[in-house]
C-alpha atoms as a PDB file:
ATOM      1  CA  MET A   1     -55.899  74.052  17.131  1.00  0.00           C
ATOM      2  CA  LYS A   2     -58.385  71.337  17.936  1.00  0.00           C
ATOM      3  CA  VAL A   3     -60.917  70.308  15.350  1.00  0.00           C
ATOM      4  CA  THR A   4     -64.159  68.379  15.646  1.00  0.00           C
ATOM      5  CA  SER A   5     -66.520  66.637  13.272  1.00  0.00           C
ATOM      6  CA  THR A   6     -69.248  68.780  11.730  1.00  0.00           C
ATOM      7  CA  THR A   7     -72.823  68.212  10.640  1.00  0.00           C
ATOM      8  CA  ARG A   8     -73.539  65.286   8.330  1.00  0.00           C
ATOM      9  CA  ARG A   9     -75.026  67.429   5.571  1.00  0.00           C
ATOM     10  CA  VAL A  10     -71.962  69.647   5.333  1.00  0.00           C
ATOM     11  CA  LEU A  11     -69.682  66.606   5.435  1.00  0.00           C
ATOM     12  CA  ALA A  12     -71.513  64.958   2.545  1.00  0.00           C
ATOM     13  CA  ALA A  13     -69.196  66.514  -0.025  1.00  0.00           C
ATOM     14  CA  ALA A  14     -66.182  65.496   2.038  1.00  0.00           C
ATOM     15  CA  ALA A  15     -67.368  61.914   2.416  1.00  0.00           C
ATOM     16  CA  VAL A  16     -67.867  61.542  -1.307  1.00  0.00           C
ATOM     17  CA  VAL A  17     -64.205  62.393  -1.914  1.00  0.00           C
ATOM     18  CA  ALA A  18     -63.273  58.950  -0.623  1.00  0.00           C
ATOM     19  CA  ALA A  19     -65.984  57.309  -2.701  1.00  0.00           C
ATOM     20  CA  ALA A  20     -64.867  59.163  -5.812  1.00  0.00           C
ATOM     21  CA  VAL A  21     -61.265  58.120  -5.251  1.00  0.00           C
ATOM     22  CA  ALA A  22     -62.432  54.527  -4.894  1.00  0.00           C
ATOM     23  CA  THR A  23     -64.062  54.621  -8.330  1.00  0.00           C
ATOM     24  CA  GLN A  24     -60.683  55.477  -9.837  1.00  0.00           C
ATOM     25  CA  ALA A  25     -58.884  52.420  -8.458  1.00  0.00           C
ATOM     26  CA  ALA A  26     -57.741  51.343 -11.913  1.00  0.00           C
ATOM     27  CA  ALA A  27     -55.936  54.621 -12.402  1.00  0.00           C
ATOM     28  CA  VAL A  28     -54.441  54.653  -8.911  1.00  0.00           C
ATOM     29  CA  PRO A  29     -53.348  51.109  -8.013  1.00  0.00           C
ATOM     30  CA  ALA A  30     -53.086  50.559  -4.252  1.00  0.00           C
ATOM     31  CA  SER A  31     -55.185  49.366  -1.370  1.00  0.00           C
ATOM     32  CA  ALA A  32     -57.639  51.713   0.295  1.00  0.00           C
ATOM     33  CA  THR A  33     -56.606  53.006   3.694  1.00  0.00           C
ATOM     34  CA  SER A  34     -58.278  55.015   6.421  1.00  0.00           C
ATOM     35  CA  SER A  35     -56.041  57.188   8.536  1.00  0.00           C
ATOM     36  CA  THR A  36     -55.754  58.464  12.075  1.00  0.00           C
ATOM     37  CA  LEU A  37     -52.417  60.048  11.233  1.00  0.00           C
ATOM     38  CA  THR A  38     -51.982  63.771  11.631  1.00  0.00           C
ATOM     39  CA  CYS A  39     -50.003  63.811   8.383  1.00  0.00           C
ATOM     40  CA  ALA A  40     -52.258  61.774   6.111  1.00  0.00           C
ATOM     41  CA  ASN A  41     -51.713  62.082   2.345  1.00  0.00           C
ATOM     42  CA  VAL A  42     -54.853  64.229   2.160  1.00  0.00           C
ATOM     43  CA  ILE A  43     -56.250  66.348   4.988  1.00  0.00           C
ATOM     44  CA  THR A  44     -59.796  67.574   4.370  1.00  0.00           C
ATOM     45  CA  ILE A  45     -61.021  70.420   6.586  1.00  0.00           C
ATOM     46  CA  VAL A  46     -64.727  71.249   6.538  1.00  0.00           C
ATOM     47  CA  ALA A  47     -66.112  74.570   7.814  1.00  0.00           C
ATOM     48  CA  ARG A  48     -69.795  74.488   8.751  1.00  0.00           C
ATOM     49  CA  GLY A  49     -72.540  77.052   8.313  1.00  0.00           C
ATOM     50  CA  SER A  50     -74.061  79.392  10.888  1.00  0.00           C
ATOM     51  CA  ASP A  51     -75.721  77.699  13.871  1.00  0.00           C
ATOM     52  CA  GLU A  52     -75.114  74.199  12.516  1.00  0.00           C
ATOM     53  CA  ALA A  53     -74.332  71.533  15.082  1.00  0.00           C
ATOM     54  CA  ALA A  54     -70.611  70.916  15.581  1.00  0.00           C
ATOM     55  CA  GLY A  55     -71.074  67.154  15.500  1.00  0.00           C
ATOM     56  CA  THR A  56     -70.213  64.512  18.072  1.00  0.00           C
ATOM     57  CA  GLY A  57     -66.445  64.644  17.974  1.00  0.00           C
ATOM     58  CA  GLY A  58     -66.012  66.433  21.297  1.00  0.00           C
ATOM     59  CA  THR A  59     -62.481  67.820  21.449  1.00  0.00           C
ATOM     60  CA  THR A  60     -60.841  64.993  19.505  1.00  0.00           C
ATOM     61  CA  ASN A  61     -60.248  64.439  15.826  1.00  0.00           C
ATOM     62  CA  VAL A  62     -62.711  62.287  13.918  1.00  0.00           C
ATOM     63  CA  TYR A  63     -61.591  60.350  10.851  1.00  0.00           C
ATOM     64  CA  TRP A  64     -63.278  59.020   7.737  1.00  0.00           C
ATOM     65  CA  THR A  65     -62.259  56.390   5.200  1.00  0.00           C
ATOM     66  CA  GLY A  66     -59.673  57.077   2.519  1.00  0.00           C
ATOM     67  CA  GLY A  67     -59.321  55.650  -0.992  1.00  0.00           C
ATOM     68  CA  PRO A  68     -56.775  53.914  -3.207  1.00  0.00           C
ATOM     69  CA  SER A  69     -53.218  55.199  -2.791  1.00  0.00           C
ATOM     70  CA  LYS A  70     -54.419  57.951  -0.506  1.00  0.00           C
ATOM     71  CA  SER A  71     -54.755  58.073   3.250  1.00  0.00           C
ATOM     72  CA  VAL A  72     -57.436  60.661   4.007  1.00  0.00           C
ATOM     73  CA  ARG A  73     -58.116  62.434   7.280  1.00  0.00           C
ATOM     74  CA  THR A  74     -61.317  64.472   7.391  1.00  0.00           C
ATOM     75  CA  VAL A  75     -62.034  66.908  10.211  1.00  0.00           C
ATOM     76  CA  GLY A  76     -64.312  69.842  10.929  1.00  0.00           C
ATOM     77  CA  LEU A  77     -63.001  73.289  11.752  1.00  0.00           C
ATOM     78  CA  LYS A  78     -63.656  74.176  15.371  1.00  0.00           C
ATOM     79  CA  SER A  79     -65.224  77.627  15.184  1.00  0.00           C
ATOM     80  CA  PRO A  80     -68.256  79.264  16.824  1.00  0.00           C
ATOM     81  CA  ALA A  81     -70.314  79.344  13.578  1.00  0.00           C
ATOM     82  CA  THR A  82     -72.810  81.683  15.222  1.00  0.00           C
ATOM     83  CA  ILE A  83     -74.960  84.332  13.587  1.00  0.00           C
ATOM     84  CA  GLY A  84     -76.725  86.153  16.457  1.00  0.00           C
ATOM     85  CA  PHE A  85     -78.599  89.417  16.079  1.00  0.00           C
ATOM     86  CA  GLY A  86     -77.489  92.525  14.238  1.00  0.00           C
ATOM     87  CA  GLY A  87     -74.550  90.778  12.617  1.00  0.00           C
ATOM     88  CA  LEU A  88     -71.989  91.417  15.403  1.00  0.00           C
ATOM     89  CA  ALA A  89     -71.896  87.786  16.528  1.00  0.00           C
ATOM     90  CA  TYR A  90     -71.529  86.636  12.927  1.00  0.00           C
ATOM     91  CA  PHE A  91     -68.472  88.746  12.232  1.00  0.00           C
ATOM     92  CA  SER A  92     -66.899  87.847  15.569  1.00  0.00           C
ATOM     93  CA  SER A  93     -67.456  84.166  14.731  1.00  0.00           C
ATOM     94  CA  LEU A  94     -66.083  84.750  11.247  1.00  0.00           C
ATOM     95  CA  ASP A  95     -62.896  86.320  12.594  1.00  0.00           C
ATOM     96  CA  THR A  96     -62.373  83.415  14.996  1.00  0.00           C
ATOM     97  CA  GLY A  97     -62.911  80.850  12.252  1.00  0.00           C
ATOM     98  CA  LYS A  98     -60.508  82.598   9.880  1.00  0.00           C
ATOM     99  CA  ALA A  99     -57.783  82.927  12.491  1.00  0.00           C
ATOM    100  CA  ARG A 100     -58.069  79.259  13.481  1.00  0.00           C
ATOM    101  CA  LEU A 101     -58.147  77.958   9.914  1.00  0.00           C
ATOM    102  CA  ALA A 102     -55.121  80.027   8.866  1.00  0.00           C
ATOM    103  CA  ALA A 103     -53.204  78.959  11.953  1.00  0.00           C
ATOM    104  CA  GLU A 104     -53.987  75.284  11.314  1.00  0.00           C
ATOM    105  CA  LEU A 105     -53.014  75.455   7.638  1.00  0.00           C
ATOM    106  CA  ASN A 106     -49.746  77.172   8.534  1.00  0.00           C
ATOM    107  CA  ARG A 107     -49.094  74.554  11.212  1.00  0.00           C
ATOM    108  CA  LEU A 108     -49.777  71.677   8.834  1.00  0.00           C
ATOM    109  CA  ALA A 109     -47.494  73.171   6.182  1.00  0.00           C
ATOM    110  CA  THR A 110     -44.603  72.890   8.622  1.00  0.00           C
ATOM    111  CA  LEU A 111     -45.612  69.677  10.389  1.00  0.00           C
ATOM    112  CA  CYS A 112     -46.830  67.773   7.313  1.00  0.00           C
ATOM    113  CA  PRO A 113     -44.915  69.075   4.277  1.00  0.00           C
ATOM    114  CA  SER A 114     -45.976  66.117   2.102  1.00  0.00           C
ATOM    115  CA  SER A 115     -49.699  66.362   2.876  1.00  0.00           C
ATOM    116  CA  ARG A 116     -52.211  68.011   0.542  1.00  0.00           C
ATOM    117  CA  THR A 117     -55.183  69.871   1.973  1.00  0.00           C
ATOM    118  CA  VAL A 118     -58.761  70.067   0.718  1.00  0.00           C
ATOM    119  CA  LEU A 119     -60.992  72.827   2.081  1.00  0.00           C
ATOM    120  CA  ILE A 120     -64.783  72.615   1.997  1.00  0.00           C
ATOM    121  CA  GLY A 121     -66.985  75.427   3.278  1.00  0.00           C
ATOM    122  CA  TYR A 122     -70.744  75.936   3.438  1.00  0.00           C
ATOM    123  CA  SER A 123     -72.460  79.285   4.111  1.00  0.00           C
ATOM    124  CA  GLN A 124     -70.507  80.986   6.925  1.00  0.00           C
ATOM    125  CA  GLY A 125     -67.925  78.237   6.471  1.00  0.00           C
ATOM    126  CA  ALA A 126     -67.592  79.235   2.809  1.00  0.00           C
ATOM    127  CA  HIS A 127     -67.065  82.818   3.944  1.00  0.00           C
ATOM    128  CA  VAL A 128     -64.299  81.645   6.291  1.00  0.00           C
ATOM    129  CA  VAL A 129     -62.544  79.399   3.758  1.00  0.00           C
ATOM    130  CA  GLY A 130     -62.842  81.919   0.923  1.00  0.00           C
ATOM    131  CA  ASP A 131     -61.420  84.775   2.961  1.00  0.00           C
ATOM    132  CA  VAL A 132     -58.504  82.718   4.279  1.00  0.00           C
ATOM    133  CA  THR A 133     -57.521  81.627   0.763  1.00  0.00           C
ATOM    134  CA  SER A 134     -58.061  85.031  -0.863  1.00  0.00           C
ATOM    135  CA  ASN A 135     -55.186  87.110  -2.192  1.00  0.00           C
ATOM    136  CA  SER A 136     -55.502  89.738   0.551  1.00  0.00           C
ATOM    137  CA  ASN A 137     -56.050  87.381   3.501  1.00  0.00           C
ATOM    138  CA  PRO A 138     -55.342  89.435   6.656  1.00  0.00           C
ATOM    139  CA  ASN A 139     -54.692  86.225   8.614  1.00  0.00           C
ATOM    140  CA  ALA A 140     -51.384  85.764   6.792  1.00  0.00           C
ATOM    141  CA  LEU A 141     -51.673  82.324   5.249  1.00  0.00           C
ATOM    142  CA  SER A 142     -48.119  81.302   4.448  1.00  0.00           C
ATOM    143  CA  THR A 143     -46.926  80.662   0.918  1.00  0.00           C
ATOM    144  CA  GLY A 144     -46.167  77.072   1.873  1.00  0.00           C
ATOM    145  CA  ALA A 145     -49.632  76.509   3.286  1.00  0.00           C
ATOM    146  CA  LYS A 146     -51.319  77.937   0.216  1.00  0.00           C
ATOM    147  CA  SER A 147     -49.200  75.850  -2.142  1.00  0.00           C
ATOM    148  CA  ARG A 148     -50.339  72.659  -0.396  1.00  0.00           C
ATOM    149  CA  ILE A 149     -54.046  73.375  -0.964  1.00  0.00           C
ATOM    150  CA  ALA A 150     -55.257  70.919  -3.590  1.00  0.00           C
ATOM    151  CA  ALA A 151     -58.884  72.036  -3.839  1.00  0.00           C
ATOM    152  CA  VAL A 152     -61.330  74.528  -2.364  1.00  0.00           C
ATOM    153  CA  TYR A 153     -65.052  73.839  -2.699  1.00  0.00           C
ATOM    154  CA  LEU A 154     -67.581  76.417  -1.485  1.00  0.00           C
ATOM    155  CA  THR A 155     -71.385  76.265  -1.399  1.00  0.00           C
ATOM    156  CA  GLY A 156     -73.846  79.011  -0.498  1.00  0.00           C
ATOM    157  CA  ASP A 157     -71.091  81.611  -0.019  1.00  0.00           C
ATOM    158  CA  PRO A 158     -72.642  84.867   1.314  1.00  0.00           C
ATOM    159  CA  VAL A 159     -69.814  86.967  -0.169  1.00  0.00           C
ATOM    160  CA  ARG A 160     -69.835  85.285  -3.571  1.00  0.00           C
ATOM    161  CA  ARG A 161     -68.943  87.721  -6.352  1.00  0.00           C
ATOM    162  CA  PRO A 162     -70.924  87.288  -9.592  1.00  0.00           C
ATOM    163  CA  TYR A 163     -69.252  86.439 -12.901  1.00  0.00           C
ATOM    164  CA  GLU A 164     -66.032  85.114 -11.402  1.00  0.00           C
ATOM    165  CA  SER A 165     -64.522  82.253 -13.406  1.00  0.00           C
ATOM    166  CA  HIS A 166     -64.675  79.817 -10.486  1.00  0.00           C
ATOM    167  CA  ASN A 167     -68.451  80.196 -10.057  1.00  0.00           C
ATOM    168  CA  ARG A 168     -70.740  77.273 -10.829  1.00  0.00           C
ATOM    169  CA  GLY A 169     -74.476  76.632 -10.491  1.00  0.00           C
ATOM    170  CA  THR A 170     -77.658  78.413 -11.510  1.00  0.00           C
ATOM    171  CA  GLY A 171     -77.210  81.439  -9.250  1.00  0.00           C
ATOM    172  CA  ILE A 172     -76.018  84.486 -11.192  1.00  0.00           C
ATOM    173  CA  GLY A 173     -76.312  87.229  -8.587  1.00  0.00           C
ATOM    174  CA  GLY A 174     -73.976  88.178  -5.784  1.00  0.00           C
ATOM    175  CA  GLY A 175     -73.969  87.277  -2.104  1.00  0.00           C
ATOM    176  CA  VAL A 176     -75.991  88.975   0.606  1.00  0.00           C
ATOM    177  CA  LEU A 177     -72.814  90.572   2.030  1.00  0.00           C
ATOM    178  CA  VAL A 178     -70.205  92.762   0.336  1.00  0.00           C
ATOM    179  CA  ASP A 179     -68.090  90.550  -1.917  1.00  0.00           C
ATOM    180  CA  ARG A 180     -64.333  90.072  -1.655  1.00  0.00           C
ATOM    181  CA  GLY A 181     -63.546  92.124  -4.750  1.00  0.00           C
ATOM    182  CA  ALA A 182     -62.608  91.237  -8.307  1.00  0.00           C
ATOM    183  CA  GLY A 183     -59.988  88.542  -8.715  1.00  0.00           C
ATOM    184  CA  GLN A 184     -59.472  87.961  -4.984  1.00  0.00           C
ATOM    185  CA  MET A 185     -59.587  84.196  -5.470  1.00  0.00           C
ATOM    186  CA  SER A 186     -57.332  84.190  -8.540  1.00  0.00           C
ATOM    187  CA  GLY A 187     -54.341  82.952  -6.562  1.00  0.00           C
ATOM    188  CA  LEU A 188     -55.943  79.510  -6.397  1.00  0.00           C
ATOM    189  CA  GLY A 189     -56.407  79.299 -10.163  1.00  0.00           C
ATOM    190  CA  SER A 190     -58.376  76.199 -11.139  1.00  0.00           C
ATOM    191  CA  ARG A 191     -58.232  74.780  -7.608  1.00  0.00           C
ATOM    192  CA  ILE A 192     -61.420  76.564  -6.479  1.00  0.00           C
ATOM    193  CA  LEU A 193     -65.118  76.210  -7.274  1.00  0.00           C
ATOM    194  CA  SER A 194     -67.997  78.112  -5.700  1.00  0.00           C
ATOM    195  CA  TYR A 195     -71.452  76.617  -6.210  1.00  0.00           C
ATOM    196  CA  CYS A 196     -74.696  78.562  -5.838  1.00  0.00           C
ATOM    197  CA  TYR A 197     -78.318  77.756  -6.630  1.00  0.00           C
ATOM    198  CA  LYS A 198     -80.604  80.401  -8.111  1.00  0.00           C
ATOM    199  CA  GLY A 199     -82.841  81.890  -5.437  1.00  0.00           C
ATOM    200  CA  ASP A 200     -80.496  81.187  -2.526  1.00  0.00           C
ATOM    201  CA  TRP A 201     -80.780  84.197  -0.207  1.00  0.00           C
ATOM    202  CA  ALA A 202     -77.109  83.916   0.826  1.00  0.00           C
ATOM    203  CA  CYS A 203     -75.210  83.585  -2.461  1.00  0.00           C
ATOM    204  CA  ASP A 204     -77.810  84.785  -5.014  1.00  0.00           C
ATOM    205  CA  ALA A 205     -79.319  87.600  -2.970  1.00  0.00           C
ATOM    206  CA  PRO A 206     -80.687  89.710  -5.869  1.00  0.00           C
ATOM    207  CA  HIS A 207     -82.785  86.734  -6.994  1.00  0.00           C
ATOM    208  CA  LYS A 208     -83.711  85.242  -3.630  1.00  0.00           C
ATOM    209  CA  ASP A 209     -86.967  83.303  -3.619  1.00  0.00           C
ATOM    210  CA  PRO A 210     -89.238  84.667  -0.828  1.00  0.00           C
ATOM    211  CA  THR A 211     -90.973  81.316  -0.385  1.00  0.00           C
ATOM    212  CA  ARG A 212     -88.150  78.819  -0.968  1.00  0.00           C
ATOM    213  CA  SER A 213     -84.933  80.667  -0.247  1.00  0.00           C
ATOM    214  CA  ALA A 214     -84.149  78.951   3.057  1.00  0.00           C
ATOM    215  CA  ALA A 215     -84.836  75.511   1.575  1.00  0.00           C
ATOM    216  CA  ILE A 216     -82.643  76.311  -1.425  1.00  0.00           C
ATOM    217  CA  HIS A 217     -79.800  77.394   0.857  1.00  0.00           C
ATOM    218  CA  THR A 218     -79.837  74.074   2.706  1.00  0.00           C
ATOM    219  CA  SER A 219     -80.063  71.855  -0.381  1.00  0.00           C
ATOM    220  CA  TYR A 220     -76.372  71.544  -1.314  1.00  0.00           C
ATOM    221  CA  GLY A 221     -75.988  68.146   0.306  1.00  0.00           C
ATOM    222  CA  ASN A 222     -77.757  66.280  -2.503  1.00  0.00           C
ATOM    223  CA  SER A 223     -76.017  63.189  -3.834  1.00  0.00           C
ATOM    224  CA  THR A 224     -75.783  64.353  -7.456  1.00  0.00           C
ATOM    225  CA  LEU A 225     -73.930  67.537  -6.548  1.00  0.00           C
ATOM    226  CA  ASN A 226     -71.699  65.749  -4.062  1.00  0.00           C
ATOM    227  CA  THR A 227     -70.705  63.092  -6.569  1.00  0.00           C
ATOM    228  CA  THR A 228     -69.940  65.664  -9.269  1.00  0.00           C
ATOM    229  CA  TYR A 229     -67.762  67.837  -7.082  1.00  0.00           C
ATOM    230  CA  GLY A 230     -66.324  64.988  -5.064  1.00  0.00           C
ATOM    231  CA  THR A 231     -64.963  63.683  -8.354  1.00  0.00           C
ATOM    232  CA  TRP A 232     -63.685  67.179  -9.201  1.00  0.00           C
ATOM    233  CA  ILE A 233     -61.856  67.341  -5.873  1.00  0.00           C
ATOM    234  CA  VAL A 234     -60.253  63.952  -6.417  1.00  0.00           C
ATOM    235  CA  GLY A 235     -59.037  65.108  -9.825  1.00  0.00           C
ATOM    236  CA  LYS A 236     -57.044  67.840  -8.069  1.00  0.00           C
ATOM    237  CA  LEU A 237     -55.187  65.470  -5.759  1.00  0.00           C
END
């Protein structure tokens, strides 16, 4: 599977992983390295939201800087990320994204057995990542692939289930689409967080703000949130 870079706002959380690692240099003594290796120490895959630009990576991998003792390769999942009309295009795009992500994770588990993976998903991308890492994933994520996942960070997930232990943020309602079911993300334990702002039409649908909902949904790229959860991700590596 080929992967490309994704939009800068969605990559913000991924980029801060390297910065957060760098702040912990005293705890992890080594020189910082950037990597173009397929089997970097950490492979971060970012899944973008509906209709977001796929970035400028073309059909080649794009790499970002790593941190002390870790070589980090960051890429965007190559999926349609379309929404269309009536929902049919969305679910077709979703199925493609899930199949490609599962296939890539299974491939990496065999090709790069020492690499850890970090998965970051926003909006439709969160739907993709969450479904692939759920207990009942129909795309058959291998046991080896799942065991190599260090952290999963979701924002604005449209199938977010309320009151799950991995939920964070001010949103307390459920997503706009039918949720995955109770405990579906339990297989990841403490390796997953799903962040939602109150009033976001996608992940807090019962409390969506008629005047600000769209702006709320696109506000997860702020530096405070990225620093907080970038540091959380690093703590899982």
